[in-house]
Amino acid sequence: MAMDVSKGASHNPGHLFVDEEMCAEHPDLYAFMREVSWSDGKKRLTGTLTISVEGRVIKCSTHDRDGKRYFWLTGDTLKGLLSSIDRALRDDTCEWRPDKR
């Protein structure tokens, strides 16, 4: 089941997080973090990102709370890292690992 990103930032006006620029640049990542329902209307937990820096490398854990799984990606720049996460979510090329919490 997919999130409906076709309606952009106005899809769920009751949700507080709105970032039109991020929606335009990284629509799948934006939907992953923001959408509270699936395209069929069923509720979903929003995804979360945890970003850290180690030396010259930026790391991000992308956590799918609804699916109880996560994946890590790294990058040289924050903008590049966010683009990589957006692409991984869109193309379903994430190396998901089970969340054992």
Protein backbone atom coordinates (compact mmCIF):
# COMPACT_ATOMS: atom_id res chain seq x y z
CA MET A 1 0.00 0.00 0.00
CA ALA A 2 1.39 3.43 -0.90
CA MET A 3 1.20 6.91 0.52
CA ASP A 4 -0.55 9.40 -1.74
CA VAL A 5 2.06 12.09 -2.49
CA SER A 6 0.23 13.44 -5.55
CA LYS A 7 -1.63 16.05 -3.54
CA GLY A 8 1.52 17.67 -2.16
CA ALA A 9 1.72 19.75 0.98
CA SER A 10 -2.00 20.45 1.18
CA HIS A 11 -2.91 16.73 1.38
CA ASN A 12 -3.46 16.81 5.13
CA PRO A 13 -3.86 20.43 6.26
CA GLY A 14 -4.51 19.37 9.85
CA HIS A 15 -0.97 18.06 10.21
CA LEU A 16 1.37 20.75 11.58
CA PHE A 17 4.57 20.01 9.62
CA VAL A 18 4.51 21.87 6.31
CA ASP A 19 7.58 22.56 4.18
CA GLU A 20 6.64 23.39 0.57
CA GLU A 21 10.29 23.49 -0.57
CA MET A 22 11.08 20.07 0.87
CA CYS A 23 7.88 18.67 -0.63
CA ALA A 24 8.98 19.89 -4.06
CA GLU A 25 12.59 18.68 -3.76
CA HIS A 26 12.07 15.39 -1.87
CA PRO A 27 8.41 14.36 -2.25
CA ASP A 28 8.78 10.73 -1.16
CA LEU A 29 10.87 11.58 1.90
CA TYR A 30 8.45 14.37 2.75
CA ALA A 31 5.47 12.00 2.55
CA PHE A 32 7.35 9.38 4.59
CA MET A 33 7.85 11.88 7.42
CA ARG A 34 4.51 13.65 7.17
CA GLU A 35 1.62 11.54 5.90
CA VAL A 36 -0.59 10.09 8.62
CA SER A 37 -2.64 7.83 6.33
CA TRP A 38 -2.14 5.41 3.46
CA SER A 39 -3.73 6.02 0.05
CA ASP A 40 -6.70 3.84 1.12
CA GLY A 41 -7.32 6.09 4.16
CA LYS A 42 -5.95 3.70 6.81
CA LYS A 43 -3.92 5.37 9.56
CA ARG A 44 -0.12 5.15 9.52
CA LEU A 45 2.62 6.23 11.88
CA THR A 46 4.93 8.82 10.36
CA GLY A 47 8.56 7.95 9.65
CA THR A 48 11.46 9.55 11.46
CA LEU A 49 15.03 10.55 10.60
CA THR A 50 17.99 10.61 12.97
CA ILE A 51 20.95 12.52 11.53
CA SER A 52 24.46 12.48 12.95
CA VAL A 53 27.92 13.54 11.80
CA GLU A 54 31.11 11.57 12.18
CA GLY A 55 34.17 13.32 10.80
CA ARG A 56 33.30 14.37 7.25
CA VAL A 57 30.45 11.87 6.87
CA ILE A 58 26.78 12.67 7.50
CA LYS A 59 24.75 9.63 8.57
CA CYS A 60 21.01 9.16 8.68
CA SER A 61 18.86 6.44 10.16
CA THR A 62 15.49 6.35 8.42
CA HIS A 63 12.96 4.68 10.71
CA ASP A 64 9.66 3.31 9.44
CA ARG A 65 7.70 3.25 12.71
CA ASP A 66 4.64 1.81 11.01
CA GLY A 67 6.57 -1.11 9.49
CA LYS A 68 8.93 -1.51 12.49
CA ARG A 69 12.05 -1.31 10.33
CA TYR A 70 14.93 1.07 9.51
CA PHE A 71 17.84 1.66 7.15
CA TRP A 72 21.02 3.78 7.22
CA LEU A 73 22.52 5.93 4.46
CA THR A 74 25.55 8.21 4.48
CA GLY A 75 26.56 11.22 2.42
CA ASP A 76 29.06 14.03 2.03
CA THR A 77 26.41 16.76 2.18
CA LEU A 78 23.04 16.99 3.89
CA LYS A 79 21.31 17.92 0.63
CA GLY A 80 22.85 14.93 -1.15
CA LEU A 81 21.94 12.62 1.72
CA LEU A 82 18.30 13.76 1.71
CA SER A 83 18.18 13.23 -2.07
CA SER A 84 19.58 9.71 -1.63
CA ILE A 85 16.96 8.87 1.01
CA ASP A 86 14.17 10.27 -1.18
CA ARG A 87 15.38 8.17 -4.14
CA ALA A 88 15.72 5.01 -2.00
CA LEU A 89 12.16 5.42 -0.72
CA ARG A 90 10.79 6.17 -4.20
CA ASP A 91 12.61 3.29 -5.93
CA ASP A 92 12.18 0.90 -2.97
CA THR A 93 15.92 0.21 -2.87
CA CYS A 94 16.20 0.59 0.90
CA GLU A 95 18.09 -2.11 2.76
CA TRP A 96 15.51 -2.34 5.53
CA ARG A 97 16.47 -4.01 8.81
CA PRO A 98 13.95 -5.12 11.43
CA ASP A 99 13.48 -2.80 14.38
CA LYS A 100 13.96 -5.03 17.42
CA ARG A 101 12.92 -2.40 19.96
